[in-house]
């Protein structure tokens, strides 16, 4: 694999770790969850044959520390960080952007706020549950997660959150708990350790703010020719799938299916990357 060029970008209230591979028009990859730049390792190399591929750790996660660890988080602030990366890495030309999960929420806001800097956005399963008719149920889920986190701690709260994301009646794929790190190669072990270290911040600060966010649907409708709403073929009926499907129908764009489920980027990286390449060039 090509070793990425590592950079640090000073932004308001944080310092961003970012990685760049390849050459060509800029493709900014916005990670979801606690994955950070490393979550795109399985696709970045191949995409770098056609693009300058940039990925990063969002503020507060992994290698992108906050000046004030208690600072409130917002989708708009995270989108401003993405905009700053676009300005740094592609100052003279609009860029393509792809985001997954919470990163897809950032990508939606970025498109609405800065359309002149964006050529195309792929938003894979953005959990913007406020657009759904049953949004009140999902606000109740977030309240249960918050209460469980305060009362019982991280892993019980993570289990409540994961159960709320599954389709009704589905069984968990595996028991909730801390991923095992014994026997893993050093790089993989470090990634798991970073993921677990970031979980309290993600579950306690990112999830409540991002899943309470309401996108500007009318604005996105006006920009729908630049937007690809995507979901996993195995995600039908799960909570993160539903807002993508709802918005695709509302905007008249059609929903593009990617291999795997909500985490298809990790479980089917080669197929996911190939699908992403095709829709970016459409």
C-alpha atoms as a PDB file:
ATOM      1  CA  UNK A   1       0.000   0.000   0.000  1.00  0.00           C
ATOM      2  CA  UNK A   2       1.037   3.575  -0.661  1.00  0.00           C
ATOM      3  CA  UNK A   3       1.962   5.424   2.499  1.00  0.00           C
ATOM      4  CA  UNK A   4      -0.342   8.438   2.811  1.00  0.00           C
ATOM      5  CA  UNK A   5       0.957  11.940   3.347  1.00  0.00           C
ATOM      6  CA  UNK A   6      -0.006  13.008   6.872  1.00  0.00           C
ATOM      7  CA  UNK A   7      -1.052  16.557   7.652  1.00  0.00           C
ATOM      8  CA  UNK A   8      -2.299  18.616  10.568  1.00  0.00           C
ATOM      9  CA  UNK A   9      -4.768  21.439  10.073  1.00  0.00           C
ATOM     10  CA  UNK A  10      -5.457  23.997  12.752  1.00  0.00           C
ATOM     11  CA  UNK A  11      -9.186  24.858  12.923  1.00  0.00           C
ATOM     12  CA  UNK A  12     -11.281  26.771  15.424  1.00  0.00           C
ATOM     13  CA  UNK A  13     -11.086  24.828  18.674  1.00  0.00           C
ATOM     14  CA  UNK A  14      -9.252  21.756  17.372  1.00  0.00           C
ATOM     15  CA  UNK A  15      -6.379  20.373  15.319  1.00  0.00           C
ATOM     16  CA  UNK A  16      -7.344  17.934  12.564  1.00  0.00           C
ATOM     17  CA  UNK A  17      -5.307  14.899  11.543  1.00  0.00           C
ATOM     18  CA  UNK A  18      -5.712  14.214   7.813  1.00  0.00           C
ATOM     19  CA  UNK A  19      -4.222  11.828   5.264  1.00  0.00           C
ATOM     20  CA  UNK A  20      -3.798  12.282   1.503  1.00  0.00           C
ATOM     21  CA  UNK A  21      -3.155   9.712  -1.241  1.00  0.00           C
ATOM     22  CA  UNK A  22      -3.055   9.798  -5.038  1.00  0.00           C
ATOM     23  CA  UNK A  23      -3.468  12.604  -7.511  1.00  0.00           C
ATOM     24  CA  UNK A  24      -6.281  14.100  -9.546  1.00  0.00           C
ATOM     25  CA  UNK A  25      -9.488  15.876  -8.473  1.00  0.00           C
ATOM     26  CA  UNK A  26     -10.068  15.941  -4.742  1.00  0.00           C
ATOM     27  CA  UNK A  27     -12.250  13.310  -3.091  1.00  0.00           C
ATOM     28  CA  UNK A  28     -12.872  14.080   0.583  1.00  0.00           C
ATOM     29  CA  UNK A  29     -13.949  11.068   2.657  1.00  0.00           C
ATOM     30  CA  UNK A  30     -15.823  11.888   5.872  1.00  0.00           C
ATOM     31  CA  UNK A  31     -15.893   8.999   8.348  1.00  0.00           C
ATOM     32  CA  UNK A  32     -18.750   7.990  10.596  1.00  0.00           C
ATOM     33  CA  UNK A  33     -18.775   6.631  14.115  1.00  0.00           C
ATOM     34  CA  UNK A  34     -15.375   6.383  15.756  1.00  0.00           C
ATOM     35  CA  UNK A  35     -13.588   5.024  12.686  1.00  0.00           C
ATOM     36  CA  UNK A  36     -11.630   8.126  11.718  1.00  0.00           C
ATOM     37  CA  UNK A  37      -9.412   8.229   8.654  1.00  0.00           C
ATOM     38  CA  UNK A  38      -8.503   4.561   9.161  1.00  0.00           C
ATOM     39  CA  UNK A  39     -12.046   3.461   8.337  1.00  0.00           C
ATOM     40  CA  UNK A  40     -11.335   4.243   4.674  1.00  0.00           C
ATOM     41  CA  UNK A  41      -8.063   2.288   4.474  1.00  0.00           C
ATOM     42  CA  UNK A  42      -9.806  -0.521   2.577  1.00  0.00           C
ATOM     43  CA  UNK A  43     -10.958   1.759  -0.265  1.00  0.00           C
ATOM     44  CA  UNK A  44      -8.617   4.755  -0.326  1.00  0.00           C
ATOM     45  CA  UNK A  45      -5.771   3.015  -2.117  1.00  0.00           C
ATOM     46  CA  UNK A  46      -7.867   1.974  -5.118  1.00  0.00           C
ATOM     47  CA  UNK A  47      -9.680   5.317  -5.316  1.00  0.00           C
ATOM     48  CA  UNK A  48      -6.317   7.097  -5.311  1.00  0.00           C
ATOM     49  CA  UNK A  49      -5.740   5.821  -8.859  1.00  0.00           C
ATOM     50  CA  UNK A  50      -8.312   8.414 -10.012  1.00  0.00           C
ATOM     51  CA  UNK A  51      -8.486  10.988  -7.228  1.00  0.00           C
ATOM     52  CA  UNK A  52      -6.511  12.870  -4.650  1.00  0.00           C
ATOM     53  CA  UNK A  53      -8.120  11.042  -1.739  1.00  0.00           C
ATOM     54  CA  UNK A  54      -8.233  12.835   1.604  1.00  0.00           C
ATOM     55  CA  UNK A  55      -9.588  11.325   4.810  1.00  0.00           C
ATOM     56  CA  UNK A  56      -9.377  12.605   8.355  1.00  0.00           C
ATOM     57  CA  UNK A  57     -10.218  12.116  12.013  1.00  0.00           C
ATOM     58  CA  UNK A  58     -13.142  14.423  12.900  1.00  0.00           C
ATOM     59  CA  UNK A  59     -12.566  16.860  15.733  1.00  0.00           C
ATOM     60  CA  UNK A  60     -12.460  15.248  19.144  1.00  0.00           C
ATOM     61  CA  UNK A  61     -11.805  11.758  17.773  1.00  0.00           C
ATOM     62  CA  UNK A  62      -8.549   9.839  17.790  1.00  0.00           C
ATOM     63  CA  UNK A  63      -5.725  12.045  16.500  1.00  0.00           C
ATOM     64  CA  UNK A  64      -7.765  15.285  16.174  1.00  0.00           C
ATOM     65  CA  UNK A  65      -7.795  16.692  19.725  1.00  0.00           C
ATOM     66  CA  UNK A  66     -10.098  19.447  20.933  1.00  0.00           C
ATOM     67  CA  UNK A  67      -8.672  22.505  22.680  1.00  0.00           C
ATOM     68  CA  UNK A  68     -11.515  22.171  25.183  1.00  0.00           C
ATOM     69  CA  UNK A  69     -12.572  18.537  25.661  1.00  0.00           C
ATOM     70  CA  UNK A  70     -15.936  19.715  27.011  1.00  0.00           C
ATOM     71  CA  UNK A  71     -16.763  21.968  24.057  1.00  0.00           C
ATOM     72  CA  UNK A  72     -20.237  21.358  22.595  1.00  0.00           C
ATOM     73  CA  UNK A  73     -20.349  19.663  19.195  1.00  0.00           C
ATOM     74  CA  UNK A  74     -22.542  20.448  16.209  1.00  0.00           C
ATOM     75  CA  UNK A  75     -22.999  19.285  12.640  1.00  0.00           C
ATOM     76  CA  UNK A  76     -22.348  22.828  11.406  1.00  0.00           C
ATOM     77  CA  UNK A  77     -18.993  23.012  13.205  1.00  0.00           C
ATOM     78  CA  UNK A  78     -17.912  19.647  11.806  1.00  0.00           C
ATOM     79  CA  UNK A  79     -18.998  20.729   8.314  1.00  0.00           C
ATOM     80  CA  UNK A  80     -16.901  23.874   8.697  1.00  0.00           C
ATOM     81  CA  UNK A  81     -13.908  21.611   9.380  1.00  0.00           C
ATOM     82  CA  UNK A  82     -14.611  19.709   6.161  1.00  0.00           C
ATOM     83  CA  UNK A  83     -14.888  23.011   4.294  1.00  0.00           C
ATOM     84  CA  UNK A  84     -11.497  24.082   5.645  1.00  0.00           C
ATOM     85  CA  UNK A  85      -9.992  20.866   4.292  1.00  0.00           C
ATOM     86  CA  UNK A  86     -11.538  21.552   0.877  1.00  0.00           C
ATOM     87  CA  UNK A  87     -10.069  25.044   0.918  1.00  0.00           C
ATOM     88  CA  UNK A  88      -6.657  23.680   1.823  1.00  0.00           C
ATOM     89  CA  UNK A  89      -6.504  20.750  -0.568  1.00  0.00           C
ATOM     90  CA  UNK A  90      -8.564  21.975  -3.536  1.00  0.00           C
ATOM     91  CA  UNK A  91      -8.642  25.775  -3.406  1.00  0.00           C
ATOM     92  CA  UNK A  92      -9.243  26.266  -7.118  1.00  0.00           C
ATOM     93  CA  UNK A  93     -11.728  23.535  -8.018  1.00  0.00           C
ATOM     94  CA  UNK A  94     -14.894  21.979  -6.574  1.00  0.00           C
ATOM     95  CA  UNK A  95     -14.456  18.588  -4.955  1.00  0.00           C
ATOM     96  CA  UNK A  96     -16.288  15.313  -4.587  1.00  0.00           C
ATOM     97  CA  UNK A  97     -17.305  14.275  -1.084  1.00  0.00           C
ATOM     98  CA  UNK A  98     -18.413  10.952   0.380  1.00  0.00           C
ATOM     99  CA  UNK A  99     -19.580  10.428   3.935  1.00  0.00           C
ATOM    100  CA  UNK A 100     -20.822   7.453   5.933  1.00  0.00           C
ATOM    101  CA  UNK A 101     -23.266   7.492   8.858  1.00  0.00           C
ATOM    102  CA  UNK A 102     -22.545  10.570  11.009  1.00  0.00           C
ATOM    103  CA  UNK A 103     -20.059  11.620   8.312  1.00  0.00           C
ATOM    104  CA  UNK A 104     -22.902  11.530   5.804  1.00  0.00           C
ATOM    105  CA  UNK A 105     -24.814  14.012   7.971  1.00  0.00           C
ATOM    106  CA  UNK A 106     -21.803  16.331   7.783  1.00  0.00           C
ATOM    107  CA  UNK A 107     -21.697  15.838   4.001  1.00  0.00           C
ATOM    108  CA  UNK A 108     -25.368  16.838   3.666  1.00  0.00           C
ATOM    109  CA  UNK A 109     -24.796  20.035   5.632  1.00  0.00           C
ATOM    110  CA  UNK A 110     -21.633  20.791   3.665  1.00  0.00           C
ATOM    111  CA  UNK A 111     -23.515  20.530   0.370  1.00  0.00           C
ATOM    112  CA  UNK A 112     -26.323  22.780   1.601  1.00  0.00           C
ATOM    113  CA  UNK A 113     -23.954  25.367   3.084  1.00  0.00           C
ATOM    114  CA  UNK A 114     -21.175  25.427   0.464  1.00  0.00           C
ATOM    115  CA  UNK A 115     -22.571  24.232  -2.876  1.00  0.00           C
ATOM    116  CA  UNK A 116     -20.019  26.209  -4.856  1.00  0.00           C
ATOM    117  CA  UNK A 117     -17.235  24.008  -3.457  1.00  0.00           C
ATOM    118  CA  UNK A 118     -18.981  20.698  -4.146  1.00  0.00           C
ATOM    119  CA  UNK A 119     -19.268  18.790  -7.402  1.00  0.00           C
ATOM    120  CA  UNK A 120     -20.927  15.653  -6.031  1.00  0.00           C
ATOM    121  CA  UNK A 121     -21.838  14.218  -2.631  1.00  0.00           C
ATOM    122  CA  UNK A 122     -22.437  10.580  -1.735  1.00  0.00           C
ATOM    123  CA  UNK A 123     -24.250  10.245   1.615  1.00  0.00           C
ATOM    124  CA  UNK A 124     -24.351   6.641   2.831  1.00  0.00           C
ATOM    125  CA  UNK A 125     -27.061   6.077   5.461  1.00  0.00           C
ATOM    126  CA  UNK A 126     -27.097   9.471   7.196  1.00  0.00           C
ATOM    127  CA  UNK A 127     -29.162   8.872  10.378  1.00  0.00           C
ATOM    128  CA  UNK A 128     -31.085  12.160  10.132  1.00  0.00           C
ATOM    129  CA  UNK A 129     -34.021  10.667  11.988  1.00  0.00           C
ATOM    130  CA  UNK A 130     -35.748  14.033  12.413  1.00  0.00           C
ATOM    131  CA  UNK A 131     -37.004  13.769   8.813  1.00  0.00           C
ATOM    132  CA  UNK A 132     -38.978  10.606   9.629  1.00  0.00           C
ATOM    133  CA  UNK A 133     -42.688  10.596  10.522  1.00  0.00           C
ATOM    134  CA  UNK A 134     -41.914   8.700  13.740  1.00  0.00           C
ATOM    135  CA  UNK A 135     -39.082  11.014  14.829  1.00  0.00           C
ATOM    136  CA  UNK A 136     -40.488  11.194  18.371  1.00  0.00           C
ATOM    137  CA  UNK A 137     -39.732   7.489  18.886  1.00  0.00           C
ATOM    138  CA  UNK A 138     -36.101   8.061  17.998  1.00  0.00           C
ATOM    139  CA  UNK A 139     -35.820  11.023  20.322  1.00  0.00           C
ATOM    140  CA  UNK A 140     -36.993   8.643  23.035  1.00  0.00           C
ATOM    141  CA  UNK A 141     -34.252   6.205  22.026  1.00  0.00           C
ATOM    142  CA  UNK A 142     -31.623   8.917  22.404  1.00  0.00           C
ATOM    143  CA  UNK A 143     -33.014   9.776  25.830  1.00  0.00           C
ATOM    144  CA  UNK A 144     -32.726   6.100  26.868  1.00  0.00           C
ATOM    145  CA  UNK A 145     -29.136   5.995  25.635  1.00  0.00           C
ATOM    146  CA  UNK A 146     -28.296   9.152  27.592  1.00  0.00           C
ATOM    147  CA  UNK A 147     -29.936   7.878  30.770  1.00  0.00           C
ATOM    148  CA  UNK A 148     -28.260   4.485  30.480  1.00  0.00           C
ATOM    149  CA  UNK A 149     -24.872   6.097  29.896  1.00  0.00           C
ATOM    150  CA  UNK A 150     -25.263   8.243  33.013  1.00  0.00           C
ATOM    151  CA  UNK A 151     -26.644   5.431  35.169  1.00  0.00           C
ATOM    152  CA  UNK A 152     -24.894   2.259  33.989  1.00  0.00           C
ATOM    153  CA  UNK A 153     -21.917   3.328  31.905  1.00  0.00           C
ATOM    154  CA  UNK A 154     -20.604   2.988  28.371  1.00  0.00           C
ATOM    155  CA  UNK A 155     -21.197  -0.612  27.299  1.00  0.00           C
ATOM    156  CA  UNK A 156     -24.819  -0.866  28.503  1.00  0.00           C
ATOM    157  CA  UNK A 157     -25.547   2.436  26.751  1.00  0.00           C
ATOM    158  CA  UNK A 158     -23.864   1.166  23.580  1.00  0.00           C
ATOM    159  CA  UNK A 159     -26.055  -1.940  23.723  1.00  0.00           C
ATOM    160  CA  UNK A 160     -29.221   0.179  24.018  1.00  0.00           C
ATOM    161  CA  UNK A 161     -28.087   2.309  21.070  1.00  0.00           C
ATOM    162  CA  UNK A 162     -27.234  -0.697  18.900  1.00  0.00           C
ATOM    163  CA  UNK A 163     -30.587  -2.337  19.665  1.00  0.00           C
ATOM    164  CA  UNK A 164     -32.377   0.834  18.617  1.00  0.00           C
ATOM    165  CA  UNK A 165     -30.632   0.830  15.235  1.00  0.00           C
ATOM    166  CA  UNK A 166     -31.607  -2.735  14.310  1.00  0.00           C
ATOM    167  CA  UNK A 167     -34.733  -3.614  12.380  1.00  0.00           C
ATOM    168  CA  UNK A 168     -37.641  -4.613  14.659  1.00  0.00           C
ATOM    169  CA  UNK A 169     -37.322  -8.195  15.865  1.00  0.00           C
ATOM    170  CA  UNK A 170     -33.739  -8.635  14.652  1.00  0.00           C
ATOM    171  CA  UNK A 171     -31.222 -10.330  16.890  1.00  0.00           C
ATOM    172  CA  UNK A 172     -27.821  -8.720  17.546  1.00  0.00           C
ATOM    173  CA  UNK A 173     -25.129  -9.989  15.207  1.00  0.00           C
ATOM    174  CA  UNK A 174     -22.809 -10.551  18.147  1.00  0.00           C
ATOM    175  CA  UNK A 175     -22.826  -9.862  21.869  1.00  0.00           C
ATOM    176  CA  UNK A 176     -22.147  -6.288  22.827  1.00  0.00           C
ATOM    177  CA  UNK A 177     -18.831  -5.792  24.529  1.00  0.00           C
ATOM    178  CA  UNK A 178     -15.279  -4.591  24.155  1.00  0.00           C
ATOM    179  CA  UNK A 179     -13.636  -5.943  20.990  1.00  0.00           C
ATOM    180  CA  UNK A 180     -10.809  -8.373  21.659  1.00  0.00           C
ATOM    181  CA  UNK A 181      -7.358  -7.017  20.813  1.00  0.00           C
ATOM    182  CA  UNK A 182      -5.288 -10.093  21.633  1.00  0.00           C
ATOM    183  CA  UNK A 183      -3.851 -11.751  18.543  1.00  0.00           C
ATOM    184  CA  UNK A 184      -4.426  -8.751  16.267  1.00  0.00           C
ATOM    185  CA  UNK A 185      -1.575  -7.204  14.261  1.00  0.00           C
ATOM    186  CA  UNK A 186      -0.226  -4.015  15.891  1.00  0.00           C
ATOM    187  CA  UNK A 187      -1.952  -1.647  13.436  1.00  0.00           C
ATOM    188  CA  UNK A 188      -5.337  -3.348  13.848  1.00  0.00           C
ATOM    189  CA  UNK A 189      -4.907  -3.483  17.629  1.00  0.00           C
ATOM    190  CA  UNK A 190      -4.144   0.249  17.725  1.00  0.00           C
ATOM    191  CA  UNK A 191      -7.271   0.957  15.672  1.00  0.00           C
ATOM    192  CA  UNK A 192      -9.494  -1.046  18.036  1.00  0.00           C
ATOM    193  CA  UNK A 193      -7.950   0.682  21.036  1.00  0.00           C
ATOM    194  CA  UNK A 194      -8.558   4.113  19.468  1.00  0.00           C
ATOM    195  CA  UNK A 195     -12.160   3.140  18.689  1.00  0.00           C
ATOM    196  CA  UNK A 196     -12.866   2.150  22.262  1.00  0.00           C
ATOM    197  CA  UNK A 197     -11.142   5.239  23.649  1.00  0.00           C
ATOM    198  CA  UNK A 198     -13.368   7.413  21.442  1.00  0.00           C
ATOM    199  CA  UNK A 199     -16.653   5.692  22.304  1.00  0.00           C
ATOM    200  CA  UNK A 200     -17.590   7.839  25.329  1.00  0.00           C
ATOM    201  CA  UNK A 201     -17.169  11.024  23.269  1.00  0.00           C
ATOM    202  CA  UNK A 202     -19.022   9.606  20.284  1.00  0.00           C
ATOM    203  CA  UNK A 203     -21.944   8.177  22.240  1.00  0.00           C
ATOM    204  CA  UNK A 204     -22.189  11.014  24.720  1.00  0.00           C
ATOM    205  CA  UNK A 205     -21.483  14.036  22.485  1.00  0.00           C
ATOM    206  CA  UNK A 206     -21.753  13.231  18.771  1.00  0.00           C
ATOM    207  CA  UNK A 207     -24.793  10.945  18.704  1.00  0.00           C
ATOM    208  CA  UNK A 208     -27.167  13.269  20.632  1.00  0.00           C
ATOM    209  CA  UNK A 209     -26.205  16.329  18.586  1.00  0.00           C
ATOM    210  CA  UNK A 210     -26.028  14.738  15.148  1.00  0.00           C
ATOM    211  CA  UNK A 211     -29.201  12.659  15.430  1.00  0.00           C
ATOM    212  CA  UNK A 212     -31.107  15.744  16.565  1.00  0.00           C
ATOM    213  CA  UNK A 213     -30.028  17.575  13.398  1.00  0.00           C
ATOM    214  CA  UNK A 214     -32.648  18.423  10.776  1.00  0.00           C
ATOM    215  CA  UNK A 215     -31.286  18.888   7.242  1.00  0.00           C
ATOM    216  CA  UNK A 216     -32.522  21.697   5.027  1.00  0.00           C
ATOM    217  CA  UNK A 217     -34.612  19.491   2.749  1.00  0.00           C
ATOM    218  CA  UNK A 218     -35.724  22.314   0.458  1.00  0.00           C
ATOM    219  CA  UNK A 219     -32.117  23.376  -0.029  1.00  0.00           C
ATOM    220  CA  UNK A 220     -31.056  19.808  -0.755  1.00  0.00           C
ATOM    221  CA  UNK A 221     -33.923  19.450  -3.219  1.00  0.00           C
ATOM    222  CA  UNK A 222     -32.545  22.403  -5.172  1.00  0.00           C
ATOM    223  CA  UNK A 223     -29.130  20.716  -5.199  1.00  0.00           C
ATOM    224  CA  UNK A 224     -30.352  17.149  -5.734  1.00  0.00           C
ATOM    225  CA  UNK A 225     -28.531  16.800  -9.068  1.00  0.00           C
ATOM    226  CA  UNK A 226     -25.277  16.731  -7.056  1.00  0.00           C
ATOM    227  CA  UNK A 227     -26.485  14.384  -4.318  1.00  0.00           C
ATOM    228  CA  UNK A 228     -26.396  10.585  -4.206  1.00  0.00           C
ATOM    229  CA  UNK A 229     -28.326   9.080  -1.294  1.00  0.00           C
ATOM    230  CA  UNK A 230     -27.069   5.579  -0.577  1.00  0.00           C
ATOM    231  CA  UNK A 231     -27.854   2.652   1.719  1.00  0.00           C
ATOM    232  CA  UNK A 232     -26.704  -0.912   2.270  1.00  0.00           C
ATOM    233  CA  UNK A 233     -28.398  -3.810   0.550  1.00  0.00           C
ATOM    234  CA  UNK A 234     -28.479  -5.621   3.903  1.00  0.00           C
ATOM    235  CA  UNK A 235     -29.786  -2.624   5.888  1.00  0.00           C
ATOM    236  CA  UNK A 236     -33.419  -2.593   4.807  1.00  0.00           C
ATOM    237  CA  UNK A 237     -35.643  -1.943   7.803  1.00  0.00           C
ATOM    238  CA  UNK A 238     -32.819  -0.693  10.029  1.00  0.00           C
ATOM    239  CA  UNK A 239     -32.971   2.813  11.418  1.00  0.00           C
ATOM    240  CA  UNK A 240     -30.033   4.377   9.496  1.00  0.00           C
ATOM    241  CA  UNK A 241     -31.455   3.054   6.193  1.00  0.00           C
ATOM    242  CA  UNK A 242     -34.813   4.737   6.601  1.00  0.00           C
ATOM    243  CA  UNK A 243     -33.789   8.439   6.439  1.00  0.00           C
ATOM    244  CA  UNK A 244     -31.728   7.778   3.301  1.00  0.00           C
ATOM    245  CA  UNK A 245     -34.708   6.077   1.656  1.00  0.00           C
ATOM    246  CA  UNK A 246     -37.104   8.786   2.852  1.00  0.00           C
ATOM    247  CA  UNK A 247     -34.933  11.615   1.512  1.00  0.00           C
ATOM    248  CA  UNK A 248     -34.293   9.839  -1.784  1.00  0.00           C
ATOM    249  CA  UNK A 249     -38.041   9.558  -2.337  1.00  0.00           C
ATOM    250  CA  UNK A 250     -38.697  13.126  -1.179  1.00  0.00           C
ATOM    251  CA  UNK A 251     -35.981  14.555  -3.445  1.00  0.00           C
ATOM    252  CA  UNK A 252     -36.753  12.257  -6.353  1.00  0.00           C
ATOM    253  CA  UNK A 253     -33.152  11.078  -6.674  1.00  0.00           C
ATOM    254  CA  UNK A 254     -33.624   7.338  -6.221  1.00  0.00           C
ATOM    255  CA  UNK A 255     -31.771   5.372  -3.564  1.00  0.00           C
ATOM    256  CA  UNK A 256     -28.454   3.799  -4.574  1.00  0.00           C
ATOM    257  CA  UNK A 257     -27.640   0.511  -2.849  1.00  0.00           C
ATOM    258  CA  UNK A 258     -24.126  -0.377  -1.731  1.00  0.00           C
ATOM    259  CA  UNK A 259     -22.823  -3.834  -0.728  1.00  0.00           C
ATOM    260  CA  UNK A 260     -23.324  -4.925   2.870  1.00  0.00           C
ATOM    261  CA  UNK A 261     -25.168  -3.094   5.601  1.00  0.00           C
ATOM    262  CA  UNK A 262     -24.560   0.072   7.585  1.00  0.00           C
ATOM    263  CA  UNK A 263     -20.885  -0.876   7.973  1.00  0.00           C
ATOM    264  CA  UNK A 264     -20.451  -2.151   4.415  1.00  0.00           C
ATOM    265  CA  UNK A 265     -17.355   0.021   4.110  1.00  0.00           C
ATOM    266  CA  UNK A 266     -15.645  -2.297   6.616  1.00  0.00           C
ATOM    267  CA  UNK A 267     -17.279  -5.631   5.760  1.00  0.00           C
ATOM    268  CA  UNK A 268     -17.158  -5.337   1.942  1.00  0.00           C
ATOM    269  CA  UNK A 269     -14.378  -2.824   1.248  1.00  0.00           C
ATOM    270  CA  UNK A 270     -13.498  -3.873  -2.315  1.00  0.00           C
ATOM    271  CA  UNK A 271     -17.111  -3.964  -3.490  1.00  0.00           C
ATOM    272  CA  UNK A 272     -17.976  -0.800  -1.569  1.00  0.00           C
ATOM    273  CA  UNK A 273     -15.058   1.063  -3.112  1.00  0.00           C
ATOM    274  CA  UNK A 274     -15.965  -0.047  -6.623  1.00  0.00           C
ATOM    275  CA  UNK A 275     -19.562   1.069  -6.147  1.00  0.00           C
ATOM    276  CA  UNK A 276     -18.384   4.396  -4.778  1.00  0.00           C
ATOM    277  CA  UNK A 277     -16.112   4.899  -7.785  1.00  0.00           C
ATOM    278  CA  UNK A 278     -19.048   4.334 -10.146  1.00  0.00           C
ATOM    279  CA  UNK A 279     -21.467   6.730  -8.457  1.00  0.00           C
ATOM    280  CA  UNK A 280     -18.826   9.427  -8.062  1.00  0.00           C
ATOM    281  CA  UNK A 281     -18.234   9.388 -11.780  1.00  0.00           C
ATOM    282  CA  UNK A 282     -21.909   9.250 -12.747  1.00  0.00           C
END
